Amino acid sequence: MADPHPISSGTVPTAAPASDEHRELSRLADALTDYGVWARIIDDDPPVLRVSNPQSDYAVEDVSCERRAHDHAFLASFGVYLGSSDSLALTARKVAWLVGAVER
């Protein structure tokens, strides 16, 4: 009979290694710190970066990341291309604009 409590048998569950997409979303989250927005990775499959403007009850955007031939692309929840992993500063500004944290 299988042990109904596998942790008690001395095994410790390990976290799955972060995907490339997770790492790129983390880099984007770091780039967003200058804009005063909140950003956290939601570990769905695939992961998304949930970005919100603390000055608004409604300005929230989930940014996804897709692997491309030479980099990663960041996409808004409605499918619009926001930028690439090779242009994090510009992409971060676009995301901050999208949630109303910066003017144009």
PDB file of N, CA and C in Angstrom:
ATOM      1  N   MET A   1       0.838  -1.173   0.000  1.00  0.00           N
ATOM      2  CA  MET A   1       0.000   0.000   0.000  1.00  0.00           C
ATOM      3  C   MET A   1       0.887   1.241   0.000  1.00  0.00           C
ATOM      4  N   ALA A   2       0.530   2.227  -0.817  1.00  0.00           N
ATOM      5  CA  ALA A   2       1.310   3.452  -0.936  1.00  0.00           C
ATOM      6  C   ALA A   2       1.170   4.292   0.319  1.00  0.00           C
ATOM      7  N   ASP A   3       2.241   4.976   0.660  1.00  0.00           N
ATOM      8  CA  ASP A   3       2.246   5.865   1.818  1.00  0.00           C
ATOM      9  C   ASP A   3       1.334   7.050   1.541  1.00  0.00           C
ATOM     10  N   PRO A   4       0.254   7.243   2.327  1.00  0.00           N
ATOM     11  CA  PRO A   4      -0.663   8.364   2.083  1.00  0.00           C
ATOM     12  C   PRO A   4      -0.048   9.712   2.448  1.00  0.00           C
ATOM     13  N   HIS A   5       1.079   9.697   3.138  1.00  0.00           N
ATOM     14  CA  HIS A   5       1.756  10.931   3.558  1.00  0.00           C
ATOM     15  C   HIS A   5       3.205  10.896   3.079  1.00  0.00           C
ATOM     16  N   PRO A   6       3.439  11.147   1.794  1.00  0.00           N
ATOM     17  CA  PRO A   6       4.787  10.992   1.263  1.00  0.00           C
ATOM     18  C   PRO A   6       5.810  11.917   1.913  1.00  0.00           C
ATOM     19  N   ILE A   7       5.403  13.051   2.434  1.00  0.00           N
ATOM     20  CA  ILE A   7       6.357  13.955   3.074  1.00  0.00           C
ATOM     21  C   ILE A   7       6.887  13.334   4.358  1.00  0.00           C
ATOM     22  N   SER A   8       6.050  12.605   5.068  1.00  0.00           N
ATOM     23  CA  SER A   8       6.483  11.991   6.315  1.00  0.00           C
ATOM     24  C   SER A   8       7.487  10.873   6.087  1.00  0.00           C
ATOM     25  N   SER A   9       7.613  10.374   4.865  1.00  0.00           N
ATOM     26  CA  SER A   9       8.549   9.289   4.599  1.00  0.00           C
ATOM     27  C   SER A   9       9.952   9.807   4.309  1.00  0.00           C
ATOM     28  N   GLY A  10      10.172  11.116   4.491  1.00  0.00           N
ATOM     29  CA  GLY A  10      11.499  11.663   4.317  1.00  0.00           C
ATOM     30  C   GLY A  10      11.717  12.357   2.985  1.00  0.00           C
ATOM     31  N   THR A  11      10.788  12.248   2.062  1.00  0.00           N
ATOM     32  CA  THR A  11      10.947  12.947   0.800  1.00  0.00           C
ATOM     33  C   THR A  11      10.441  14.368   0.942  1.00  0.00           C
ATOM     34  N   VAL A  12      11.112  15.277   0.291  1.00  0.00           N
ATOM     35  CA  VAL A  12      10.718  16.683   0.334  1.00  0.00           C
ATOM     36  C   VAL A  12      10.398  17.110  -1.083  1.00  0.00           C
ATOM     37  N   PRO A  13       9.180  17.628  -1.307  1.00  0.00           N
ATOM     38  CA  PRO A  13       8.849  18.077  -2.664  1.00  0.00           C
ATOM     39  C   PRO A  13       9.760  19.230  -3.069  1.00  0.00           C
ATOM     40  N   THR A  14      10.170  19.223  -4.306  1.00  0.00           N
ATOM     41  CA  THR A  14      11.015  20.304  -4.799  1.00  0.00           C
ATOM     42  C   THR A  14      10.219  21.156  -5.776  1.00  0.00           C
ATOM     43  N   ALA A  15      10.550  22.436  -5.811  1.00  0.00           N
ATOM     44  CA  ALA A  15       9.877  23.344  -6.734  1.00  0.00           C
ATOM     45  C   ALA A  15      10.403  23.085  -8.140  1.00  0.00           C
ATOM     46  N   ALA A  16       9.526  23.229  -9.093  1.00  0.00           N
ATOM     47  CA  ALA A  16       9.937  23.078 -10.486  1.00  0.00           C
ATOM     48  C   ALA A  16      10.870  24.231 -10.846  1.00  0.00           C
ATOM     49  N   PRO A  17      11.872  23.973 -11.678  1.00  0.00           N
ATOM     50  CA  PRO A  17      12.755  25.069 -12.075  1.00  0.00           C
ATOM     51  C   PRO A  17      11.984  26.123 -12.861  1.00  0.00           C
ATOM     52  N   ALA A  18      12.394  27.367 -12.678  1.00  0.00           N
ATOM     53  CA  ALA A  18      11.719  28.463 -13.378  1.00  0.00           C
ATOM     54  C   ALA A  18      11.938  28.323 -14.884  1.00  0.00           C
ATOM     55  N   SER A  19      10.897  28.569 -15.638  1.00  0.00           N
ATOM     56  CA  SER A  19      10.992  28.520 -17.095  1.00  0.00           C
ATOM     57  C   SER A  19      11.696  29.774 -17.602  1.00  0.00           C
ATOM     58  N   ASP A  20      12.105  29.738 -18.861  1.00  0.00           N
ATOM     59  CA  ASP A  20      12.693  30.927 -19.481  1.00  0.00           C
ATOM     60  C   ASP A  20      11.702  32.079 -19.453  1.00  0.00           C
ATOM     61  N   GLU A  21      10.425  31.766 -19.698  1.00  0.00           N
ATOM     62  CA  GLU A  21       9.396  32.811 -19.693  1.00  0.00           C
ATOM     63  C   GLU A  21       9.272  33.433 -18.303  1.00  0.00           C
ATOM     64  N   HIS A  22       9.325  32.603 -17.265  1.00  0.00           N
ATOM     65  CA  HIS A  22       9.247  33.087 -15.884  1.00  0.00           C
ATOM     66  C   HIS A  22      10.420  34.029 -15.602  1.00  0.00           C
ATOM     67  N   ARG A  23      11.612  33.650 -16.039  1.00  0.00           N
ATOM     68  CA  ARG A  23      12.794  34.498 -15.824  1.00  0.00           C
ATOM     69  C   ARG A  23      12.661  35.838 -16.562  1.00  0.00           C
ATOM     70  N   GLU A  24      12.150  35.806 -17.784  1.00  0.00           N
ATOM     71  CA  GLU A  24      12.000  37.057 -18.534  1.00  0.00           C
ATOM     72  C   GLU A  24      10.931  37.954 -17.902  1.00  0.00           C
ATOM     73  N   LEU A  25       9.851  37.362 -17.408  1.00  0.00           N
ATOM     74  CA  LEU A  25       8.823  38.151 -16.711  1.00  0.00           C
ATOM     75  C   LEU A  25       9.400  38.762 -15.441  1.00  0.00           C
ATOM     76  N   SER A  26      10.272  38.042 -14.771  1.00  0.00           N
ATOM     77  CA  SER A  26      10.924  38.569 -13.576  1.00  0.00           C
ATOM     78  C   SER A  26      11.813  39.765 -13.924  1.00  0.00           C
ATOM     79  N   ARG A  27      12.523  39.672 -15.024  1.00  0.00           N
ATOM     80  CA  ARG A  27      13.344  40.800 -15.485  1.00  0.00           C
ATOM     81  C   ARG A  27      12.472  42.015 -15.798  1.00  0.00           C
ATOM     82  N   LEU A  28      11.311  41.779 -16.425  1.00  0.00           N
ATOM     83  CA  LEU A  28      10.397  42.881 -16.717  1.00  0.00           C
ATOM     84  C   LEU A  28       9.860  43.488 -15.423  1.00  0.00           C
ATOM     85  N   ALA A  29       9.535  42.655 -14.462  1.00  0.00           N
ATOM     86  CA  ALA A  29       9.059  43.156 -13.165  1.00  0.00           C
ATOM     87  C   ALA A  29      10.116  44.058 -12.526  1.00  0.00           C
ATOM     88  N   ASP A  30      11.375  43.660 -12.604  1.00  0.00           N
ATOM     89  CA  ASP A  30      12.451  44.500 -12.069  1.00  0.00           C
ATOM     90  C   ASP A  30      12.516  45.836 -12.795  1.00  0.00           C
ATOM     91  N   ALA A  31      12.335  45.821 -14.111  1.00  0.00           N
ATOM     92  CA  ALA A  31      12.379  47.054 -14.900  1.00  0.00           C
ATOM     93  C   ALA A  31      11.202  47.974 -14.580  1.00  0.00           C
ATOM     94  N   LEU A  32      10.126  47.430 -14.057  1.00  0.00           N
ATOM     95  CA  LEU A  32       8.931  48.230 -13.739  1.00  0.00           C
ATOM     96  C   LEU A  32       9.013  48.923 -12.384  1.00  0.00           C
ATOM     97  N   THR A  33       9.989  48.602 -11.560  1.00  0.00           N
ATOM     98  CA  THR A  33      10.058  49.179 -10.213  1.00  0.00           C
ATOM     99  C   THR A  33      10.175  50.703 -10.232  1.00  0.00           C
ATOM    100  N   ASP A  34      10.787  51.260 -11.255  1.00  0.00           N
ATOM    101  CA  ASP A  34      10.947  52.718 -11.335  1.00  0.00           C
ATOM    102  C   ASP A  34       9.633  53.456 -11.572  1.00  0.00           C
ATOM    103  N   TYR A  35       8.588  52.754 -11.950  1.00  0.00           N
ATOM    104  CA  TYR A  35       7.315  53.391 -12.296  1.00  0.00           C
ATOM    105  C   TYR A  35       6.286  53.379 -11.158  1.00  0.00           C
ATOM    106  N   GLY A  36       6.635  52.789 -10.039  1.00  0.00           N
ATOM    107  CA  GLY A  36       5.726  52.787  -8.902  1.00  0.00           C
ATOM    108  C   GLY A  36       4.508  51.894  -9.060  1.00  0.00           C
ATOM    109  N   VAL A  37       4.597  50.918  -9.939  1.00  0.00           N
ATOM    110  CA  VAL A  37       3.498  49.972 -10.115  1.00  0.00           C
ATOM    111  C   VAL A  37       3.809  48.698  -9.341  1.00  0.00           C
ATOM    112  N   TRP A  38       2.788  47.919  -9.101  1.00  0.00           N
ATOM    113  CA  TRP A  38       2.968  46.617  -8.472  1.00  0.00           C
ATOM    114  C   TRP A  38       3.056  45.576  -9.571  1.00  0.00           C
ATOM    115  N   ALA A  39       3.971  44.654  -9.439  1.00  0.00           N
ATOM    116  CA  ALA A  39       4.127  43.593 -10.433  1.00  0.00           C
ATOM    117  C   ALA A  39       4.464  42.294  -9.715  1.00  0.00           C
ATOM    118  N   ARG A  40       3.689  41.260 -10.020  1.00  0.00           N
ATOM    119  CA  ARG A  40       3.984  39.951  -9.436  1.00  0.00           C
ATOM    120  C   ARG A  40       3.692  38.876 -10.465  1.00  0.00           C
ATOM    121  N   ILE A  41       4.481  37.845 -10.403  1.00  0.00           N
ATOM    122  CA  ILE A  41       4.322  36.738 -11.337  1.00  0.00           C
ATOM    123  C   ILE A  41       3.258  35.792 -10.815  1.00  0.00           C
ATOM    124  N   ILE A  42       2.320  35.481 -11.674  1.00  0.00           N
ATOM    125  CA  ILE A  42       1.284  34.493 -11.383  1.00  0.00           C
ATOM    126  C   ILE A  42       1.732  33.201 -12.064  1.00  0.00           C
ATOM    127  N   ASP A  43       2.002  32.186 -11.282  1.00  0.00           N
ATOM    128  CA  ASP A  43       2.548  30.939 -11.816  1.00  0.00           C
ATOM    129  C   ASP A  43       1.472  30.024 -12.370  1.00  0.00           C
ATOM    130  N   ASP A  44       0.790  30.518 -13.385  1.00  0.00           N
ATOM    131  CA  ASP A  44      -0.126  29.674 -14.141  1.00  0.00           C
ATOM    132  C   ASP A  44       0.687  28.975 -15.219  1.00  0.00           C
ATOM    133  N   ASP A  45       0.016  28.290 -16.095  1.00  0.00           N
ATOM    134  CA  ASP A  45       0.708  27.664 -17.218  1.00  0.00           C
ATOM    135  C   ASP A  45       0.117  28.196 -18.503  1.00  0.00           C
ATOM    136  N   PRO A  46       0.699  29.142 -19.150  1.00  0.00           N
ATOM    137  CA  PRO A  46       1.998  29.750 -18.875  1.00  0.00           C
ATOM    138  C   PRO A  46       1.904  30.841 -17.808  1.00  0.00           C
ATOM    139  N   PRO A  47       3.057  31.215 -17.225  1.00  0.00           N
ATOM    140  CA  PRO A  47       3.038  32.275 -16.213  1.00  0.00           C
ATOM    141  C   PRO A  47       2.719  33.631 -16.852  1.00  0.00           C
ATOM    142  N   VAL A  48       2.175  34.530 -16.054  1.00  0.00           N
ATOM    143  CA  VAL A  48       1.928  35.906 -16.493  1.00  0.00           C
ATOM    144  C   VAL A  48       2.436  36.858 -15.421  1.00  0.00           C
ATOM    145  N   LEU A  49       2.721  38.073 -15.831  1.00  0.00           N
ATOM    146  CA  LEU A  49       3.103  39.122 -14.906  1.00  0.00           C
ATOM    147  C   LEU A  49       1.888  40.015 -14.707  1.00  0.00           C
ATOM    148  N   ARG A  50       1.351  40.031 -13.501  1.00  0.00           N
ATOM    149  CA  ARG A  50       0.199  40.881 -13.203  1.00  0.00           C
ATOM    150  C   ARG A  50       0.722  42.229 -12.726  1.00  0.00           C
ATOM    151  N   VAL A  51       0.422  43.252 -13.492  1.00  0.00           N
ATOM    152  CA  VAL A  51       0.895  44.608 -13.208  1.00  0.00           C
ATOM    153  C   VAL A  51      -0.310  45.461 -12.857  1.00  0.00           C
ATOM    154  N   SER A  52      -0.216  46.182 -11.751  1.00  0.00           N
ATOM    155  CA  SER A  52      -1.320  47.049 -11.366  1.00  0.00           C
ATOM    156  C   SER A  52      -0.789  48.393 -10.892  1.00  0.00           C
ATOM    157  N   ASN A  53      -1.623  49.387 -11.075  1.00  0.00           N
ATOM    158  CA  ASN A  53      -1.316  50.737 -10.646  1.00  0.00           C
ATOM    159  C   ASN A  53      -1.965  50.941  -9.275  1.00  0.00           C
ATOM    160  N   PRO A  54      -1.171  51.154  -8.231  1.00  0.00           N
ATOM    161  CA  PRO A  54      -1.754  51.306  -6.893  1.00  0.00           C
ATOM    162  C   PRO A  54      -2.621  52.553  -6.751  1.00  0.00           C
ATOM    163  N   GLN A  55      -2.564  53.468  -7.734  1.00  0.00           N
ATOM    164  CA  GLN A  55      -3.383  54.679  -7.707  1.00  0.00           C
ATOM    165  C   GLN A  55      -4.763  54.459  -8.319  1.00  0.00           C
ATOM    166  N   SER A  56      -5.029  53.239  -8.782  1.00  0.00           N
ATOM    167  CA  SER A  56      -6.291  52.943  -9.454  1.00  0.00           C
ATOM    168  C   SER A  56      -6.842  51.600  -8.985  1.00  0.00           C
ATOM    169  N   ASP A  57      -8.150  51.536  -8.852  1.00  0.00           N
ATOM    170  CA  ASP A  57      -8.794  50.270  -8.493  1.00  0.00           C
ATOM    171  C   ASP A  57      -8.965  49.359  -9.700  1.00  0.00           C
ATOM    172  N   TYR A  58      -8.809  49.887 -10.904  1.00  0.00           N
ATOM    173  CA  TYR A  58      -9.143  49.133 -12.108  1.00  0.00           C
ATOM    174  C   TYR A  58      -7.976  48.890 -13.060  1.00  0.00           C
ATOM    175  N   ALA A  59      -6.877  49.615 -12.918  1.00  0.00           N
ATOM    176  CA  ALA A  59      -5.769  49.510 -13.862  1.00  0.00           C
ATOM    177  C   ALA A  59      -4.895  48.302 -13.529  1.00  0.00           C
ATOM    178  N   VAL A  60      -5.251  47.179 -14.135  1.00  0.00           N
ATOM    179  CA  VAL A  60      -4.518  45.921 -13.950  1.00  0.00           C
ATOM    180  C   VAL A  60      -4.333  45.280 -15.318  1.00  0.00           C
ATOM    181  N   GLU A  61      -3.155  44.776 -15.567  1.00  0.00           N
ATOM    182  CA  GLU A  61      -2.882  44.113 -16.835  1.00  0.00           C
ATOM    183  C   GLU A  61      -2.038  42.871 -16.600  1.00  0.00           C
ATOM    184  N   ASP A  62      -2.410  41.785 -17.267  1.00  0.00           N
ATOM    185  CA  ASP A  62      -1.619  40.555 -17.230  1.00  0.00           C
ATOM    186  C   ASP A  62      -0.778  40.500 -18.497  1.00  0.00           C
ATOM    187  N   VAL A  63       0.526  40.485 -18.319  1.00  0.00           N
ATOM    188  CA  VAL A  63       1.464  40.455 -19.430  1.00  0.00           C
ATOM    189  C   VAL A  63       2.006  39.038 -19.558  1.00  0.00           C
ATOM    190  N   SER A  64       1.917  38.493 -20.753  1.00  0.00           N
ATOM    191  CA  SER A  64       2.469  37.159 -20.994  1.00  0.00           C
ATOM    192  C   SER A  64       3.788  37.283 -21.740  1.00  0.00           C
ATOM    193  N   CYS A  65       4.488  36.169 -21.818  1.00  0.00           N
ATOM    194  CA  CYS A  65       5.792  36.132 -22.464  1.00  0.00           C
ATOM    195  C   CYS A  65       5.834  34.928 -23.390  1.00  0.00           C
ATOM    196  N   GLU A  66       6.281  35.156 -24.614  1.00  0.00           N
ATOM    197  CA  GLU A  66       6.395  34.075 -25.598  1.00  0.00           C
ATOM    198  C   GLU A  66       7.815  33.997 -26.114  1.00  0.00           C
ATOM    199  N   ARG A  67       8.308  32.788 -26.230  1.00  0.00           N
ATOM    200  CA  ARG A  67       9.627  32.583 -26.812  1.00  0.00           C
ATOM    201  C   ARG A  67       9.567  32.856 -28.314  1.00  0.00           C
ATOM    202  N   ARG A  68      10.538  33.587 -28.809  1.00  0.00           N
ATOM    203  CA  ARG A  68      10.671  33.863 -30.243  1.00  0.00           C
ATOM    204  C   ARG A  68      12.018  33.308 -30.706  1.00  0.00           C
ATOM    205  N   ALA A  69      12.334  33.478 -31.961  1.00  0.00           N
ATOM    206  CA  ALA A  69      13.561  32.906 -32.519  1.00  0.00           C
ATOM    207  C   ALA A  69      14.820  33.400 -31.794  1.00  0.00           C
ATOM    208  N   HIS A  70      14.903  34.709 -31.506  1.00  0.00           N
ATOM    209  CA  HIS A  70      16.129  35.259 -30.927  1.00  0.00           C
ATOM    210  C   HIS A  70      15.931  35.958 -29.587  1.00  0.00           C
ATOM    211  N   ASP A  71      14.708  36.023 -29.103  1.00  0.00           N
ATOM    212  CA  ASP A  71      14.432  36.702 -27.844  1.00  0.00           C
ATOM    213  C   ASP A  71      13.081  36.225 -27.326  1.00  0.00           C
ATOM    214  N   HIS A  72      12.506  36.977 -26.407  1.00  0.00           N
ATOM    215  CA  HIS A  72      11.164  36.702 -25.901  1.00  0.00           C
ATOM    216  C   HIS A  72      10.301  37.936 -26.144  1.00  0.00           C
ATOM    217  N   ALA A  73       9.044  37.719 -26.465  1.00  0.00           N
ATOM    218  CA  ALA A  73       8.109  38.815 -26.704  1.00  0.00           C
ATOM    219  C   ALA A  73       7.149  38.926 -25.526  1.00  0.00           C
ATOM    220  N   PHE A  74       6.834  40.150 -25.144  1.00  0.00           N
ATOM    221  CA  PHE A  74       5.851  40.412 -24.104  1.00  0.00           C
ATOM    222  C   PHE A  74       4.560  40.857 -24.767  1.00  0.00           C
ATOM    223  N   LEU A  75       3.450  40.280 -24.324  1.00  0.00           N
ATOM    224  CA  LEU A  75       2.148  40.561 -24.923  1.00  0.00           C
ATOM    225  C   LEU A  75       1.148  40.968 -23.853  1.00  0.00           C
ATOM    226  N   ALA A  76       0.313  41.950 -24.181  1.00  0.00           N
ATOM    227  CA  ALA A  76      -0.784  42.340 -23.300  1.00  0.00           C
ATOM    228  C   ALA A  76      -1.824  41.222 -23.300  1.00  0.00           C
ATOM    229  N   SER A  77      -2.701  41.231 -22.330  1.00  0.00           N
ATOM    230  CA  SER A  77      -3.714  40.182 -22.213  1.00  0.00           C
ATOM    231  C   SER A  77      -4.625  40.126 -23.432  1.00  0.00           C
ATOM    232  N   PHE A  78      -4.722  41.222 -24.163  1.00  0.00           N
ATOM    233  CA  PHE A  78      -5.574  41.260 -25.353  1.00  0.00           C
ATOM    234  C   PHE A  78      -4.770  41.033 -26.627  1.00  0.00           C
ATOM    235  N   GLY A  79      -3.528  40.538 -26.489  1.00  0.00           N
ATOM    236  CA  GLY A  79      -2.739  40.097 -27.626  1.00  0.00           C
ATOM    237  C   GLY A  79      -1.826  41.113 -28.280  1.00  0.00           C
ATOM    238  N   VAL A  80      -1.816  42.353 -27.816  1.00  0.00           N
ATOM    239  CA  VAL A  80      -0.974  43.385 -28.430  1.00  0.00           C
ATOM    240  C   VAL A  80       0.478  43.199 -27.988  1.00  0.00           C
ATOM    241  N   TYR A  81       1.378  43.254 -28.960  1.00  0.00           N
ATOM    242  CA  TYR A  81       2.811  43.150 -28.717  1.00  0.00           C
ATOM    243  C   TYR A  81       3.282  44.402 -27.976  1.00  0.00           C
ATOM    244  N   LEU A  82       3.949  44.212 -26.832  1.00  0.00           N
ATOM    245  CA  LEU A  82       4.428  45.336 -26.036  1.00  0.00           C
ATOM    246  C   LEU A  82       5.922  45.575 -26.180  1.00  0.00           C
ATOM    247  N   GLY A  83       6.658  44.555 -26.551  1.00  0.00           N
ATOM    248  CA  GLY A  83       8.098  44.706 -26.692  1.00  0.00           C
ATOM    249  C   GLY A  83       8.787  43.373 -26.522  1.00  0.00           C
ATOM    250  N   SER A  84      10.112  43.439 -26.509  1.00  0.00           N
ATOM    251  CA  SER A  84      10.891  42.205 -26.421  1.00  0.00           C
ATOM    252  C   SER A  84      11.819  42.231 -25.218  1.00  0.00           C
ATOM    253  N   SER A  85      12.391  41.075 -24.951  1.00  0.00           N
ATOM    254  CA  SER A  85      13.342  40.957 -23.853  1.00  0.00           C
ATOM    255  C   SER A  85      14.631  41.713 -24.158  1.00  0.00           C
ATOM    256  N   ASP A  86      14.840  42.069 -25.413  1.00  0.00           N
ATOM    257  CA  ASP A  86      16.014  42.857 -25.792  1.00  0.00           C
ATOM    258  C   ASP A  86      15.799  44.357 -25.593  1.00  0.00           C
ATOM    259  N   SER A  87      14.583  44.765 -25.278  1.00  0.00           N
ATOM    260  CA  SER A  87      14.284  46.192 -25.064  1.00  0.00           C
ATOM    261  C   SER A  87      13.428  46.352 -23.806  1.00  0.00           C
ATOM    262  N   LEU A  88      13.962  45.879 -22.669  1.00  0.00           N
ATOM    263  CA  LEU A  88      13.186  45.876 -21.421  1.00  0.00           C
ATOM    264  C   LEU A  88      12.770  47.274 -20.970  1.00  0.00           C
ATOM    265  N   ALA A  89      13.642  48.259 -21.094  1.00  0.00           N
ATOM    266  CA  ALA A  89      13.303  49.606 -20.626  1.00  0.00           C
ATOM    267  C   ALA A  89      12.104  50.162 -21.391  1.00  0.00           C
ATOM    268  N   LEU A  90      12.111  50.017 -22.692  1.00  0.00           N
ATOM    269  CA  LEU A  90      10.993  50.499 -23.504  1.00  0.00           C
ATOM    270  C   LEU A  90       9.724  49.697 -23.218  1.00  0.00           C
ATOM    271  N   THR A  91       9.865  48.401 -23.083  1.00  0.00           N
ATOM    272  CA  THR A  91       8.705  47.550 -22.781  1.00  0.00           C
ATOM    273  C   THR A  91       8.105  47.921 -21.430  1.00  0.00           C
ATOM    274  N   ALA A  92       8.960  48.146 -20.432  1.00  0.00           N
ATOM    275  CA  ALA A  92       8.472  48.536 -19.106  1.00  0.00           C
ATOM    276  C   ALA A  92       7.705  49.848 -19.176  1.00  0.00           C
ATOM    277  N   ARG A  93       8.199  50.796 -19.938  1.00  0.00           N
ATOM    278  CA  ARG A  93       7.491  52.076 -20.081  1.00  0.00           C
ATOM    279  C   ARG A  93       6.117  51.876 -20.719  1.00  0.00           C
ATOM    280  N   LYS A  94       6.039  51.021 -21.735  1.00  0.00           N
ATOM    281  CA  LYS A  94       4.754  50.746 -22.377  1.00  0.00           C
ATOM    282  C   LYS A  94       3.772  50.104 -21.400  1.00  0.00           C
ATOM    283  N   VAL A  95       4.252  49.176 -20.608  1.00  0.00           N
ATOM    284  CA  VAL A  95       3.380  48.510 -19.627  1.00  0.00           C
ATOM    285  C   VAL A  95       2.919  49.517 -18.578  1.00  0.00           C
ATOM    286  N   ALA A  96       3.833  50.356 -18.111  1.00  0.00           N
ATOM    287  CA  ALA A  96       3.472  51.383 -17.129  1.00  0.00           C
ATOM    288  C   ALA A  96       2.435  52.342 -17.716  1.00  0.00           C
ATOM    289  N   TRP A  97       2.601  52.708 -18.988  1.00  0.00           N
ATOM    290  CA  TRP A  97       1.612  53.560 -19.656  1.00  0.00           C
ATOM    291  C   TRP A  97       0.262  52.851 -19.730  1.00  0.00           C
ATOM    292  N   LEU A  98       0.295  51.568 -20.027  1.00  0.00           N
ATOM    293  CA  LEU A  98      -0.939  50.796 -20.176  1.00  0.00           C
ATOM    294  C   LEU A  98      -1.770  50.798 -18.897  1.00  0.00           C
ATOM    295  N   VAL A  99      -1.118  50.809 -17.744  1.00  0.00           N
ATOM    296  CA  VAL A  99      -1.860  50.831 -16.478  1.00  0.00           C
ATOM    297  C   VAL A  99      -1.971  52.248 -15.903  1.00  0.00           C
ATOM    298  N   GLY A 100      -1.631  53.236 -16.712  1.00  0.00           N
ATOM    299  CA  GLY A 100      -1.840  54.632 -16.323  1.00  0.00           C
ATOM    300  C   GLY A 100      -0.838  55.205 -15.360  1.00  0.00           C
ATOM    301  N   ALA A 101       0.344  54.613 -15.284  1.00  0.00           N
ATOM    302  CA  ALA A 101       1.353  55.118 -14.352  1.00  0.00           C
ATOM    303  C   ALA A 101       2.230  56.207 -14.957  1.00  0.00           C
ATOM    304  N   VAL A 102       2.196  56.363 -16.267  1.00  0.00           N
ATOM    305  CA  VAL A 102       2.944  57.430 -16.938  1.00  0.00           C
ATOM    306  C   VAL A 102       2.094  58.028 -18.051  1.00  0.00           C
ATOM    307  N   GLU A 103       2.399  59.254 -18.377  1.00  0.00           N
ATOM    308  CA  GLU A 103       1.759  59.909 -19.526  1.00  0.00           C
ATOM    309  C   GLU A 103       2.589  59.578 -20.755  1.00  0.00           C
ATOM    310  N   ARG A 104       1.967  59.416 -21.863  1.00  0.00           N
ATOM    311  CA  ARG A 104       2.631  59.152 -23.145  1.00  0.00           C
ATOM    312  C   ARG A 104       4.055  58.858 -22.968  1.00  0.00           C
TER     313      ARG A 104
END
